[in-house]
PDB file of N, CA and C in Angstrom:
ATOM      1  N   UNK A   1       0.849  -1.174   0.000  1.00  0.00           N
ATOM      2  CA  UNK A   1       0.000   0.000   0.000  1.00  0.00           C
ATOM      3  C   UNK A   1       0.896   1.239   0.000  1.00  0.00           C
ATOM      4  N   UNK A   2       0.666   2.190  -0.937  1.00  0.00           N
ATOM      5  CA  UNK A   2       1.516   3.387  -0.997  1.00  0.00           C
ATOM      6  C   UNK A   2       1.319   4.261   0.228  1.00  0.00           C
ATOM      7  N   UNK A   3       2.413   4.905   0.635  1.00  0.00           N
ATOM      8  CA  UNK A   3       2.373   5.801   1.784  1.00  0.00           C
ATOM      9  C   UNK A   3       1.888   7.174   1.321  1.00  0.00           C
ATOM     10  N   UNK A   4       0.634   7.503   1.659  1.00  0.00           N
ATOM     11  CA  UNK A   4       0.062   8.778   1.229  1.00  0.00           C
ATOM     12  C   UNK A   4       0.335   9.841   2.281  1.00  0.00           C
ATOM     13  N   UNK A   5       0.749  11.012   1.813  1.00  0.00           N
ATOM     14  CA  UNK A   5       0.919  12.140   2.712  1.00  0.00           C
ATOM     15  C   UNK A   5      -0.444  12.771   2.955  1.00  0.00           C
ATOM     16  N   UNK A   6      -0.715  13.152   4.200  1.00  0.00           N
ATOM     17  CA  UNK A   6      -1.999  13.818   4.435  1.00  0.00           C
ATOM     18  C   UNK A   6      -2.042  15.152   3.697  1.00  0.00           C
ATOM     19  N   UNK A   7      -3.216  15.486   3.211  1.00  0.00           N
ATOM     20  CA  UNK A   7      -3.388  16.757   2.493  1.00  0.00           C
ATOM     21  C   UNK A   7      -3.092  17.917   3.434  1.00  0.00           C
ATOM     22  N   UNK A   8      -2.429  18.931   2.898  1.00  0.00           N
ATOM     23  CA  UNK A   8      -2.124  20.118   3.708  1.00  0.00           C
ATOM     24  C   UNK A   8      -3.429  20.811   4.061  1.00  0.00           C
ATOM     25  N   UNK A   9      -3.527  21.200   5.306  1.00  0.00           N
ATOM     26  CA  UNK A   9      -4.726  21.894   5.752  1.00  0.00           C
ATOM     27  C   UNK A   9      -4.700  23.319   5.249  1.00  0.00           C
ATOM     28  N   UNK A  10      -5.793  23.733   4.638  1.00  0.00           N
ATOM     29  CA  UNK A  10      -5.907  25.097   4.157  1.00  0.00           C
ATOM     30  C   UNK A  10      -6.304  25.986   5.332  1.00  0.00           C
ATOM     31  N   UNK A  11      -5.614  27.080   5.501  1.00  0.00           N
ATOM     32  CA  UNK A  11      -5.908  28.001   6.592  1.00  0.00           C
ATOM     33  C   UNK A  11      -7.201  28.749   6.273  1.00  0.00           C
ATOM     34  N   UNK A  12      -8.146  28.670   7.173  1.00  0.00           N
ATOM     35  CA  UNK A  12      -9.408  29.362   6.939  1.00  0.00           C
ATOM     36  C   UNK A  12      -9.263  30.837   7.253  1.00  0.00           C
ATOM     37  N   UNK A  13     -10.202  31.621   6.753  1.00  0.00           N
ATOM     38  CA  UNK A  13     -10.179  33.062   7.004  1.00  0.00           C
ATOM     39  C   UNK A  13     -10.266  33.329   8.497  1.00  0.00           C
ATOM     40  N   UNK A  14     -11.202  32.657   9.192  1.00  0.00           N
ATOM     41  CA  UNK A  14     -11.353  32.927  10.624  1.00  0.00           C
ATOM     42  C   UNK A  14     -10.098  32.535  11.404  1.00  0.00           C
ATOM     43  N   UNK A  15      -9.428  31.461  10.995  1.00  0.00           N
ATOM     44  CA  UNK A  15      -8.177  31.078  11.671  1.00  0.00           C
ATOM     45  C   UNK A  15      -7.106  32.123  11.429  1.00  0.00           C
ATOM     46  N   UNK A  16      -7.064  32.681  10.229  1.00  0.00           N
ATOM     47  CA  UNK A  16      -6.063  33.712   9.929  1.00  0.00           C
ATOM     48  C   UNK A  16      -6.311  34.951  10.764  1.00  0.00           C
ATOM     49  N   UNK A  17      -7.580  35.305  10.958  1.00  0.00           N
ATOM     50  CA  UNK A  17      -7.904  36.494  11.735  1.00  0.00           C
ATOM     51  C   UNK A  17      -7.584  36.270  13.206  1.00  0.00           C
ATOM     52  N   UNK A  18      -8.003  35.113  13.749  1.00  0.00           N
ATOM     53  CA  UNK A  18      -7.774  34.838  15.170  1.00  0.00           C
ATOM     54  C   UNK A  18      -6.299  34.740  15.495  1.00  0.00           C
ATOM     55  N   UNK A  19      -5.516  34.145  14.584  1.00  0.00           N
ATOM     56  CA  UNK A  19      -4.130  33.852  14.898  1.00  0.00           C
ATOM     57  C   UNK A  19      -3.147  34.888  14.431  1.00  0.00           C
ATOM     58  N   UNK A  20      -3.623  36.053  13.995  1.00  0.00           N
ATOM     59  CA  UNK A  20      -2.677  36.989  13.410  1.00  0.00           C
ATOM     60  C   UNK A  20      -2.904  38.409  13.878  1.00  0.00           C
ATOM     61  N   UNK A  21      -1.838  39.040  14.261  1.00  0.00           N
ATOM     62  CA  UNK A  21      -1.888  40.476  14.528  1.00  0.00           C
ATOM     63  C   UNK A  21      -1.424  41.213  13.279  1.00  0.00           C
ATOM     64  N   UNK A  22      -1.062  40.457  12.245  1.00  0.00           N
ATOM     65  CA  UNK A  22      -0.519  41.024  11.022  1.00  0.00           C
ATOM     66  C   UNK A  22      -1.641  41.206  10.011  1.00  0.00           C
ATOM     67  N   UNK A  23      -1.943  42.438   9.662  1.00  0.00           N
ATOM     68  CA  UNK A  23      -3.029  42.731   8.733  1.00  0.00           C
ATOM     69  C   UNK A  23      -2.782  42.107   7.372  1.00  0.00           C
ATOM     70  N   UNK A  24      -1.525  41.951   6.979  1.00  0.00           N
ATOM     71  CA  UNK A  24      -1.225  41.330   5.685  1.00  0.00           C
ATOM     72  C   UNK A  24      -1.725  39.889   5.632  1.00  0.00           C
ATOM     73  N   UNK A  25      -1.628  39.152   6.742  1.00  0.00           N
ATOM     74  CA  UNK A  25      -2.122  37.771   6.769  1.00  0.00           C
ATOM     75  C   UNK A  25      -3.634  37.744   6.607  1.00  0.00           C
ATOM     76  N   UNK A  26      -4.303  38.702   7.203  1.00  0.00           N
ATOM     77  CA  UNK A  26      -5.761  38.788   7.075  1.00  0.00           C
ATOM     78  C   UNK A  26      -6.130  39.104   5.632  1.00  0.00           C
ATOM     79  N   UNK A  27      -5.431  40.053   5.031  1.00  0.00           N
ATOM     80  CA  UNK A  27      -5.704  40.406   3.636  1.00  0.00           C
ATOM     81  C   UNK A  27      -5.462  39.193   2.737  1.00  0.00           C
ATOM     82  N   UNK A  28      -4.391  38.452   2.973  1.00  0.00           N
ATOM     83  CA  UNK A  28      -4.119  37.245   2.190  1.00  0.00           C
ATOM     84  C   UNK A  28      -5.238  36.228   2.336  1.00  0.00           C
ATOM     85  N   UNK A  29      -5.765  36.077   3.548  1.00  0.00           N
ATOM     86  CA  UNK A  29      -6.832  35.115   3.784  1.00  0.00           C
ATOM     87  C   UNK A  29      -8.076  35.481   2.985  1.00  0.00           C
ATOM     88  N   UNK A  30      -8.337  36.758   2.835  1.00  0.00           N
ATOM     89  CA  UNK A  30      -9.509  37.199   2.093  1.00  0.00           C
ATOM     90  C   UNK A  30      -9.255  37.294   0.595  1.00  0.00           C
ATOM     91  N   UNK A  31      -8.025  37.160   0.147  1.00  0.00           N
ATOM     92  CA  UNK A  31      -7.720  37.320  -1.267  1.00  0.00           C
ATOM     93  C   UNK A  31      -8.218  36.155  -2.112  1.00  0.00           C
ATOM     94  N   UNK A  32      -8.789  35.131  -1.481  1.00  0.00           N
ATOM     95  CA  UNK A  32      -9.346  34.016  -2.232  1.00  0.00           C
ATOM     96  C   UNK A  32     -10.495  34.491  -3.115  1.00  0.00           C
ATOM     97  N   UNK A  33     -11.105  35.621  -2.789  1.00  0.00           N
ATOM     98  CA  UNK A  33     -12.178  36.192  -3.602  1.00  0.00           C
ATOM     99  C   UNK A  33     -11.745  37.579  -4.069  1.00  0.00           C
ATOM    100  N   UNK A  34     -11.031  37.653  -5.187  1.00  0.00           N
ATOM    101  CA  UNK A  34     -10.526  38.950  -5.638  1.00  0.00           C
ATOM    102  C   UNK A  34     -11.626  39.916  -6.076  1.00  0.00           C
ATOM    103  N   UNK A  35     -12.850  39.406  -6.280  1.00  0.00           N
ATOM    104  CA  UNK A  35     -13.954  40.270  -6.704  1.00  0.00           C
ATOM    105  C   UNK A  35     -14.639  40.967  -5.531  1.00  0.00           C
ATOM    106  N   UNK A  36     -14.297  40.591  -4.299  1.00  0.00           N
ATOM    107  CA  UNK A  36     -14.913  41.226  -3.136  1.00  0.00           C
ATOM    108  C   UNK A  36     -14.462  42.683  -3.074  1.00  0.00           C
ATOM    109  N   UNK A  37     -15.411  43.596  -2.922  1.00  0.00           N
ATOM    110  CA  UNK A  37     -15.033  45.017  -2.927  1.00  0.00           C
ATOM    111  C   UNK A  37     -14.345  45.437  -1.631  1.00  0.00           C
ATOM    112  N   UNK A  38     -13.448  46.373  -1.752  1.00  0.00           N
ATOM    113  CA  UNK A  38     -12.841  47.022  -0.589  1.00  0.00           C
ATOM    114  C   UNK A  38     -13.598  48.332  -0.414  1.00  0.00           C
ATOM    115  N   UNK A  39     -14.069  48.593   0.784  1.00  0.00           N
ATOM    116  CA  UNK A  39     -14.932  49.745   1.026  1.00  0.00           C
ATOM    117  C   UNK A  39     -14.352  50.590   2.147  1.00  0.00           C
ATOM    118  N   UNK A  40     -14.322  51.894   1.942  1.00  0.00           N
ATOM    119  CA  UNK A  40     -13.975  52.829   3.017  1.00  0.00           C
ATOM    120  C   UNK A  40     -15.268  53.463   3.485  1.00  0.00           C
ATOM    121  N   UNK A  41     -15.489  53.462   4.782  1.00  0.00           N
ATOM    122  CA  UNK A  41     -16.687  54.080   5.345  1.00  0.00           C
ATOM    123  C   UNK A  41     -16.271  55.142   6.349  1.00  0.00           C
ATOM    124  N   UNK A  42     -16.802  56.343   6.164  1.00  0.00           N
ATOM    125  CA  UNK A  42     -16.541  57.412   7.123  1.00  0.00           C
ATOM    126  C   UNK A  42     -17.757  57.664   7.995  1.00  0.00           C
ATOM    127  N   UNK A  43     -18.811  56.892   7.768  1.00  0.00           N
ATOM    128  CA  UNK A  43     -20.042  57.051   8.533  1.00  0.00           C
ATOM    129  C   UNK A  43     -20.716  55.694   8.686  1.00  0.00           C
ATOM    130  N   UNK A  44     -21.297  55.461   9.850  1.00  0.00           N
ATOM    131  CA  UNK A  44     -21.988  54.195  10.104  1.00  0.00           C
ATOM    132  C   UNK A  44     -23.314  54.487  10.793  1.00  0.00           C
ATOM    133  N   UNK A  45     -24.365  53.865  10.289  1.00  0.00           N
ATOM    134  CA  UNK A  45     -25.661  53.878  10.964  1.00  0.00           C
ATOM    135  C   UNK A  45     -25.937  52.443  11.394  1.00  0.00           C
ATOM    136  N   UNK A  46     -26.459  52.266  12.592  1.00  0.00           N
ATOM    137  CA  UNK A  46     -26.715  50.924  13.117  1.00  0.00           C
ATOM    138  C   UNK A  46     -28.206  50.797  13.409  1.00  0.00           C
ATOM    139  N   UNK A  47     -28.800  49.749  12.872  1.00  0.00           N
ATOM    140  CA  UNK A  47     -30.213  49.461  13.066  1.00  0.00           C
ATOM    141  C   UNK A  47     -30.329  48.088  13.701  1.00  0.00           C
ATOM    142  N   UNK A  48     -31.431  47.848  14.413  1.00  0.00           N
ATOM    143  CA  UNK A  48     -31.602  46.546  15.054  1.00  0.00           C
ATOM    144  C   UNK A  48     -33.053  46.100  14.991  1.00  0.00           C
ATOM    145  N   UNK A  49     -33.217  44.794  14.855  1.00  0.00           N
ATOM    146  CA  UNK A  49     -34.524  44.151  14.954  1.00  0.00           C
ATOM    147  C   UNK A  49     -34.325  42.938  15.855  1.00  0.00           C
ATOM    148  N   UNK A  50     -35.371  42.217  16.188  1.00  0.00           N
ATOM    149  CA  UNK A  50     -35.171  41.033  17.035  1.00  0.00           C
ATOM    150  C   UNK A  50     -34.274  39.970  16.405  1.00  0.00           C
ATOM    151  N   UNK A  51     -34.155  39.966  15.066  1.00  0.00           N
ATOM    152  CA  UNK A  51     -33.366  38.903  14.427  1.00  0.00           C
ATOM    153  C   UNK A  51     -32.123  39.389  13.712  1.00  0.00           C
ATOM    154  N   UNK A  52     -31.950  40.689  13.545  1.00  0.00           N
ATOM    155  CA  UNK A  52     -30.800  41.213  12.812  1.00  0.00           C
ATOM    156  C   UNK A  52     -30.238  42.467  13.459  1.00  0.00           C
ATOM    157  N   UNK A  53     -28.936  42.645  13.304  1.00  0.00           N
ATOM    158  CA  UNK A  53     -28.263  43.915  13.549  1.00  0.00           C
ATOM    159  C   UNK A  53     -27.754  44.342  12.176  1.00  0.00           C
ATOM    160  N   UNK A  54     -28.041  45.572  11.786  1.00  0.00           N
ATOM    161  CA  UNK A  54     -27.712  46.030  10.447  1.00  0.00           C
ATOM    162  C   UNK A  54     -26.765  47.217  10.535  1.00  0.00           C
ATOM    163  N   UNK A  55     -25.636  47.140   9.818  1.00  0.00           N
ATOM    164  CA  UNK A  55     -24.713  48.254   9.693  1.00  0.00           C
ATOM    165  C   UNK A  55     -24.891  48.851   8.308  1.00  0.00           C
ATOM    166  N   UNK A  56     -25.196  50.126   8.260  1.00  0.00           N
ATOM    167  CA  UNK A  56     -25.259  50.830   6.989  1.00  0.00           C
ATOM    168  C   UNK A  56     -23.993  51.679   6.922  1.00  0.00           C
ATOM    169  N   UNK A  57     -23.109  51.335   6.002  1.00  0.00           N
ATOM    170  CA  UNK A  57     -21.825  52.007   5.869  1.00  0.00           C
ATOM    171  C   UNK A  57     -21.940  53.081   4.800  1.00  0.00           C
ATOM    172  N   UNK A  58     -21.384  54.239   5.095  1.00  0.00           N
ATOM    173  CA  UNK A  58     -21.473  55.317   4.133  1.00  0.00           C
ATOM    174  C   UNK A  58     -20.242  56.189   4.108  1.00  0.00           C
ATOM    175  N   UNK A  59     -20.252  57.088   3.158  1.00  0.00           N
ATOM    176  CA  UNK A  59     -19.205  58.098   3.040  1.00  0.00           C
ATOM    177  C   UNK A  59     -19.875  59.459   3.119  1.00  0.00           C
ATOM    178  N   UNK A  60     -19.329  60.319   3.966  1.00  0.00           N
ATOM    179  CA  UNK A  60     -19.878  61.666   4.079  1.00  0.00           C
ATOM    180  C   UNK A  60     -19.476  62.480   2.869  1.00  0.00           C
ATOM    181  N   UNK A  61     -20.449  63.149   2.302  1.00  0.00           N
ATOM    182  CA  UNK A  61     -20.198  64.025   1.159  1.00  0.00           C
ATOM    183  C   UNK A  61     -20.686  65.414   1.521  1.00  0.00           C
ATOM    184  N   UNK A  62     -19.881  66.401   1.234  1.00  0.00           N
ATOM    185  CA  UNK A  62     -20.283  67.786   1.477  1.00  0.00           C
ATOM    186  C   UNK A  62     -20.940  68.329   0.216  1.00  0.00           C
ATOM    187  N   UNK A  63     -22.120  68.887   0.402  1.00  0.00           N
ATOM    188  CA  UNK A  63     -22.861  69.484  -0.706  1.00  0.00           C
ATOM    189  C   UNK A  63     -23.187  70.929  -0.333  1.00  0.00           C
ATOM    190  N   UNK A  64     -23.668  71.727  -1.266  1.00  0.00           N
ATOM    191  CA  UNK A  64     -24.060  73.091  -0.913  1.00  0.00           C
ATOM    192  C   UNK A  64     -25.138  73.139   0.177  1.00  0.00           C
ATOM    193  N   UNK A  65     -25.926  72.074   0.271  1.00  0.00           N
ATOM    194  CA  UNK A  65     -26.987  72.012   1.291  1.00  0.00           C
ATOM    195  C   UNK A  65     -26.501  71.468   2.623  1.00  0.00           C
ATOM    196  N   UNK A  66     -25.253  71.089   2.727  1.00  0.00           N
ATOM    197  CA  UNK A  66     -24.718  70.525   3.962  1.00  0.00           C
ATOM    198  C   UNK A  66     -24.024  69.207   3.690  1.00  0.00           C
ATOM    199  N   UNK A  67     -23.971  68.368   4.694  1.00  0.00           N
ATOM    200  CA  UNK A  67     -23.320  67.071   4.558  1.00  0.00           C
ATOM    201  C   UNK A  67     -24.378  65.987   4.403  1.00  0.00           C
ATOM    202  N   UNK A  68     -24.139  65.080   3.498  1.00  0.00           N
ATOM    203  CA  UNK A  68     -25.033  63.949   3.277  1.00  0.00           C
ATOM    204  C   UNK A  68     -24.220  62.666   3.352  1.00  0.00           C
ATOM    205  N   UNK A  69     -24.888  61.571   3.716  1.00  0.00           N
ATOM    206  CA  UNK A  69     -24.232  60.275   3.734  1.00  0.00           C
ATOM    207  C   UNK A  69     -24.609  59.515   2.468  1.00  0.00           C
ATOM    208  N   UNK A  70     -23.613  59.115   1.711  1.00  0.00           N
ATOM    209  CA  UNK A  70     -23.820  58.278   0.533  1.00  0.00           C
ATOM    210  C   UNK A  70     -23.621  56.831   0.973  1.00  0.00           C
ATOM    211  N   UNK A  71     -24.665  56.016   0.896  1.00  0.00           N
ATOM    212  CA  UNK A  71     -24.572  54.626   1.327  1.00  0.00           C
ATOM    213  C   UNK A  71     -23.670  53.852   0.368  1.00  0.00           C
ATOM    214  N   UNK A  72     -22.687  53.113   0.933  1.00  0.00           N
ATOM    215  CA  UNK A  72     -21.799  52.298   0.116  1.00  0.00           C
ATOM    216  C   UNK A  72     -22.010  50.803   0.348  1.00  0.00           C
ATOM    217  N   UNK A  73     -22.600  50.431   1.496  1.00  0.00           N
ATOM    218  CA  UNK A  73     -22.859  49.013   1.766  1.00  0.00           C
ATOM    219  C   UNK A  73     -23.814  48.883   2.947  1.00  0.00           C
ATOM    220  N   UNK A  74     -24.566  47.808   2.937  1.00  0.00           N
ATOM    221  CA  UNK A  74     -25.407  47.433   4.065  1.00  0.00           C
ATOM    222  C   UNK A  74     -25.007  46.019   4.453  1.00  0.00           C
ATOM    223  N   UNK A  75     -24.681  45.814   5.736  1.00  0.00           N
ATOM    224  CA  UNK A  75     -24.219  44.513   6.206  1.00  0.00           C
ATOM    225  C   UNK A  75     -25.174  44.036   7.301  1.00  0.00           C
ATOM    226  N   UNK A  76     -25.731  42.836   7.119  1.00  0.00           N
ATOM    227  CA  UNK A  76     -26.648  42.240   8.091  1.00  0.00           C
ATOM    228  C   UNK A  76     -25.899  41.207   8.922  1.00  0.00           C
ATOM    229  N   UNK A  77     -26.102  41.246  10.242  1.00  0.00           N
ATOM    230  CA  UNK A  77     -25.495  40.293  11.163  1.00  0.00           C
ATOM    231  C   UNK A  77     -26.575  39.665  12.023  1.00  0.00           C
ATOM    232  N   UNK A  78     -26.358  38.408  12.404  1.00  0.00           N
ATOM    233  CA  UNK A  78     -27.178  37.840  13.469  1.00  0.00           C
ATOM    234  C   UNK A  78     -26.741  38.540  14.755  1.00  0.00           C
ATOM    235  N   UNK A  79     -27.590  38.582  15.783  1.00  0.00           N
ATOM    236  CA  UNK A  79     -27.150  39.205  17.039  1.00  0.00           C
ATOM    237  C   UNK A  79     -25.871  38.574  17.600  1.00  0.00           C
ATOM    238  N   UNK A  80     -25.707  37.259  17.443  1.00  0.00           N
ATOM    239  CA  UNK A  80     -24.497  36.596  17.929  1.00  0.00           C
ATOM    240  C   UNK A  80     -23.250  37.052  17.196  1.00  0.00           C
ATOM    241  N   UNK A  81     -23.344  37.172  15.880  1.00  0.00           N
ATOM    242  CA  UNK A  81     -22.194  37.643  15.111  1.00  0.00           C
ATOM    243  C   UNK A  81     -21.925  39.116  15.380  1.00  0.00           C
ATOM    244  N   UNK A  82     -22.978  39.895  15.594  1.00  0.00           N
ATOM    245  CA  UNK A  82     -22.783  41.311  15.924  1.00  0.00           C
ATOM    246  C   UNK A  82     -22.049  41.451  17.251  1.00  0.00           C
ATOM    247  N   UNK A  83     -22.391  40.608  18.225  1.00  0.00           N
ATOM    248  CA  UNK A  83     -21.700  40.671  19.512  1.00  0.00           C
ATOM    249  C   UNK A  83     -20.238  40.262  19.366  1.00  0.00           C
ATOM    250  N   UNK A  84     -19.983  39.240  18.552  1.00  0.00           N
ATOM    251  CA  UNK A  84     -18.602  38.823  18.297  1.00  0.00           C
ATOM    252  C   UNK A  84     -17.832  39.967  17.643  1.00  0.00           C
ATOM    253  N   UNK A  85     -18.454  40.652  16.685  1.00  0.00           N
ATOM    254  CA  UNK A  85     -17.817  41.794  16.036  1.00  0.00           C
ATOM    255  C   UNK A  85     -17.520  42.892  17.050  1.00  0.00           C
ATOM    256  N   UNK A  86     -18.473  43.172  17.933  1.00  0.00           N
ATOM    257  CA  UNK A  86     -18.275  44.217  18.945  1.00  0.00           C
ATOM    258  C   UNK A  86     -17.085  43.890  19.849  1.00  0.00           C
ATOM    259  N   UNK A  87     -16.969  42.643  20.251  1.00  0.00           N
ATOM    260  CA  UNK A  87     -15.852  42.222  21.108  1.00  0.00           C
ATOM    261  C   UNK A  87     -14.527  42.366  20.370  1.00  0.00           C
ATOM    262  N   UNK A  88     -14.485  41.893  19.117  1.00  0.00           N
ATOM    263  CA  UNK A  88     -13.250  41.974  18.339  1.00  0.00           C
ATOM    264  C   UNK A  88     -12.863  43.424  18.047  1.00  0.00           C
ATOM    265  N   UNK A  89     -13.852  44.272  17.733  1.00  0.00           N
ATOM    266  CA  UNK A  89     -13.555  45.687  17.500  1.00  0.00           C
ATOM    267  C   UNK A  89     -13.020  46.353  18.759  1.00  0.00           C
ATOM    268  N   UNK A  90     -13.627  46.055  19.914  1.00  0.00           N
ATOM    269  CA  UNK A  90     -13.152  46.636  21.174  1.00  0.00           C
ATOM    270  C   UNK A  90     -11.709  46.225  21.448  1.00  0.00           C
ATOM    271  N   UNK A  91     -11.389  44.951  21.179  1.00  0.00           N
ATOM    272  CA  UNK A  91     -10.017  44.483  21.379  1.00  0.00           C
ATOM    273  C   UNK A  91      -9.048  45.217  20.455  1.00  0.00           C
ATOM    274  N   UNK A  92      -9.419  45.365  19.193  1.00  0.00           N
ATOM    275  CA  UNK A  92      -8.528  46.026  18.228  1.00  0.00           C
ATOM    276  C   UNK A  92      -8.359  47.505  18.546  1.00  0.00           C
ATOM    277  N   UNK A  93      -9.420  48.160  18.974  1.00  0.00           N
ATOM    278  CA  UNK A  93      -9.310  49.579  19.352  1.00  0.00           C
ATOM    279  C   UNK A  93      -8.403  49.719  20.572  1.00  0.00           C
ATOM    280  N   UNK A  94      -8.565  48.839  21.559  1.00  0.00           N
ATOM    281  CA  UNK A  94      -7.705  48.889  22.749  1.00  0.00           C
ATOM    282  C   UNK A  94      -6.239  48.671  22.371  1.00  0.00           C
ATOM    283  N   UNK A  95      -5.977  47.713  21.484  1.00  0.00           N
ATOM    284  CA  UNK A  95      -4.596  47.475  21.025  1.00  0.00           C
ATOM    285  C   UNK A  95      -4.046  48.696  20.286  1.00  0.00           C
ATOM    286  N   UNK A  96      -4.877  49.285  19.441  1.00  0.00           N
ATOM    287  CA  UNK A  96      -4.458  50.466  18.672  1.00  0.00           C
ATOM    288  C   UNK A  96      -4.123  51.616  19.620  1.00  0.00           C
ATOM    289  N   UNK A  97      -4.989  51.855  20.606  1.00  0.00           N
ATOM    290  CA  UNK A  97      -4.748  52.953  21.555  1.00  0.00           C
ATOM    291  C   UNK A  97      -3.530  52.687  22.423  1.00  0.00           C
ATOM    292  N   UNK A  98      -3.295  51.431  22.777  1.00  0.00           N
ATOM    293  CA  UNK A  98      -2.100  51.105  23.565  1.00  0.00           C
ATOM    294  C   UNK A  98      -0.831  51.413  22.772  1.00  0.00           C
ATOM    295  N   UNK A  99      -0.887  51.203  21.468  1.00  0.00           N
ATOM    296  CA  UNK A  99       0.290  51.437  20.640  1.00  0.00           C
ATOM    297  C   UNK A  99       0.426  52.894  20.198  1.00  0.00           C
ATOM    298  N   UNK A 100      -0.703  53.545  19.872  1.00  0.00           N
ATOM    299  CA  UNK A 100      -0.632  54.867  19.251  1.00  0.00           C
ATOM    300  C   UNK A 100      -1.232  56.001  20.077  1.00  0.00           C
ATOM    301  N   UNK A 101      -1.873  55.688  21.196  1.00  0.00           N
ATOM    302  CA  UNK A 101      -2.505  56.723  22.012  1.00  0.00           C
ATOM    303  C   UNK A 101      -4.015  56.750  21.826  1.00  0.00           C
ATOM    304  N   UNK A 102      -4.667  57.469  22.717  1.00  0.00           N
ATOM    305  CA  UNK A 102      -6.131  57.508  22.722  1.00  0.00           C
ATOM    306  C   UNK A 102      -6.690  58.092  21.426  1.00  0.00           C
ATOM    307  N   UNK A 103      -7.757  57.462  20.952  1.00  0.00           N
ATOM    308  CA  UNK A 103      -8.466  57.954  19.772  1.00  0.00           C
ATOM    309  C   UNK A 103      -9.505  58.955  20.264  1.00  0.00           C
ATOM    310  N   UNK A 104      -9.408  60.181  19.784  1.00  0.00           N
ATOM    311  CA  UNK A 104     -10.383  61.190  20.218  1.00  0.00           C
ATOM    312  C   UNK A 104     -10.689  62.176  19.091  1.00  0.00           C
ATOM    313  N   UNK A 105     -11.396  61.696  18.054  1.00  0.00           N
ATOM    314  CA  UNK A 105     -11.763  62.608  16.972  1.00  0.00           C
ATOM    315  C   UNK A 105     -12.632  63.752  17.484  1.00  0.00           C
ATOM    316  N   UNK A 106     -12.640  64.875  16.810  1.00  0.00           N
ATOM    317  CA  UNK A 106     -13.400  66.042  17.263  1.00  0.00           C
ATOM    318  C   UNK A 106     -14.892  65.778  17.445  1.00  0.00           C
ATOM    319  N   UNK A 107     -15.454  64.886  16.643  1.00  0.00           N
ATOM    320  CA  UNK A 107     -16.894  64.662  16.747  1.00  0.00           C
ATOM    321  C   UNK A 107     -17.293  63.857  17.974  1.00  0.00           C
ATOM    322  N   UNK A 108     -16.345  63.268  18.709  1.00  0.00           N
ATOM    323  CA  UNK A 108     -16.688  62.537  19.918  1.00  0.00           C
ATOM    324  C   UNK A 108     -17.367  63.441  20.943  1.00  0.00           C
ATOM    325  N   UNK A 109     -16.915  64.684  21.054  1.00  0.00           N
ATOM    326  CA  UNK A 109     -17.516  65.615  22.009  1.00  0.00           C
ATOM    327  C   UNK A 109     -18.985  65.839  21.673  1.00  0.00           C
ATOM    328  N   UNK A 110     -19.305  65.987  20.383  1.00  0.00           N
ATOM    329  CA  UNK A 110     -20.693  66.179  19.975  1.00  0.00           C
ATOM    330  C   UNK A 110     -21.527  64.945  20.260  1.00  0.00           C
ATOM    331  N   UNK A 111     -20.960  63.753  20.041  1.00  0.00           N
ATOM    332  CA  UNK A 111     -21.687  62.523  20.333  1.00  0.00           C
ATOM    333  C   UNK A 111     -21.964  62.381  21.820  1.00  0.00           C
ATOM    334  N   UNK A 112     -20.957  62.685  22.650  1.00  0.00           N
ATOM    335  CA  UNK A 112     -21.133  62.611  24.095  1.00  0.00           C
ATOM    336  C   UNK A 112     -22.177  63.596  24.568  1.00  0.00           C
ATOM    337  N   UNK A 113     -22.153  64.799  24.010  1.00  0.00           N
ATOM    338  CA  UNK A 113     -23.144  65.824  24.394  1.00  0.00           C
ATOM    339  C   UNK A 113     -24.551  65.382  24.002  1.00  0.00           C
ATOM    340  N   UNK A 114     -24.690  64.829  22.817  1.00  0.00           N
ATOM    341  CA  UNK A 114     -26.010  64.373  22.355  1.00  0.00           C
ATOM    342  C   UNK A 114     -26.503  63.217  23.222  1.00  0.00           C
ATOM    343  N   UNK A 115     -25.612  62.310  23.602  1.00  0.00           N
ATOM    344  CA  UNK A 115     -25.996  61.175  24.435  1.00  0.00           C
ATOM    345  C   UNK A 115     -26.396  61.601  25.839  1.00  0.00           C
ATOM    346  N   UNK A 116     -25.768  62.637  26.350  1.00  0.00           N
ATOM    347  CA  UNK A 116     -26.082  63.076  27.713  1.00  0.00           C
ATOM    348  C   UNK A 116     -27.435  63.798  27.808  1.00  0.00           C
ATOM    349  N   UNK A 117     -27.971  64.253  26.685  1.00  0.00           N
ATOM    350  CA  UNK A 117     -29.266  64.935  26.707  1.00  0.00           C
ATOM    351  C   UNK A 117     -30.424  63.969  26.525  1.00  0.00           C
ATOM    352  N   UNK A 118     -30.131  62.706  26.255  1.00  0.00           N
ATOM    353  CA  UNK A 118     -31.212  61.727  26.032  1.00  0.00           C
ATOM    354  C   UNK A 118     -31.652  61.079  27.320  1.00  0.00           C
TER     355      UNK A 118
END
C-alpha cells in the first residue's frame, strides 16, 4: 500500500484572523475572492430588529446644502455575530490605543453631548 501524505490543511479566514496580529495575513486570507469590494466608510448607521443587527456604511459628502451620507454598503449580522464583532472591535481599538494613544476625533464631544441629553 503506498504511503500517502496527508493533504495540507488550508488556513481558513477565521483562523487567519484569530491567529494573526498582522493585517497582511488577514488580507491574504480574504484574497481568495478577488472580486470582493474594498470599502472605506466614514459614517456608520446601526439598526436593530429582534433577528438582525444592520450596519449601513457610508461616506460623508459635502454638498451646498450641507453634509449627506452616501450609502456604500449594508451589512446584516445575526445578534451573535454582531456581539462577536463588537468584542473583536473593542479588542482592536484597545490594542491600537495602547500602541498609538487615545483615539479622540473632534466629533466625539458632539456625540457625548447628544448622548447626555437623552
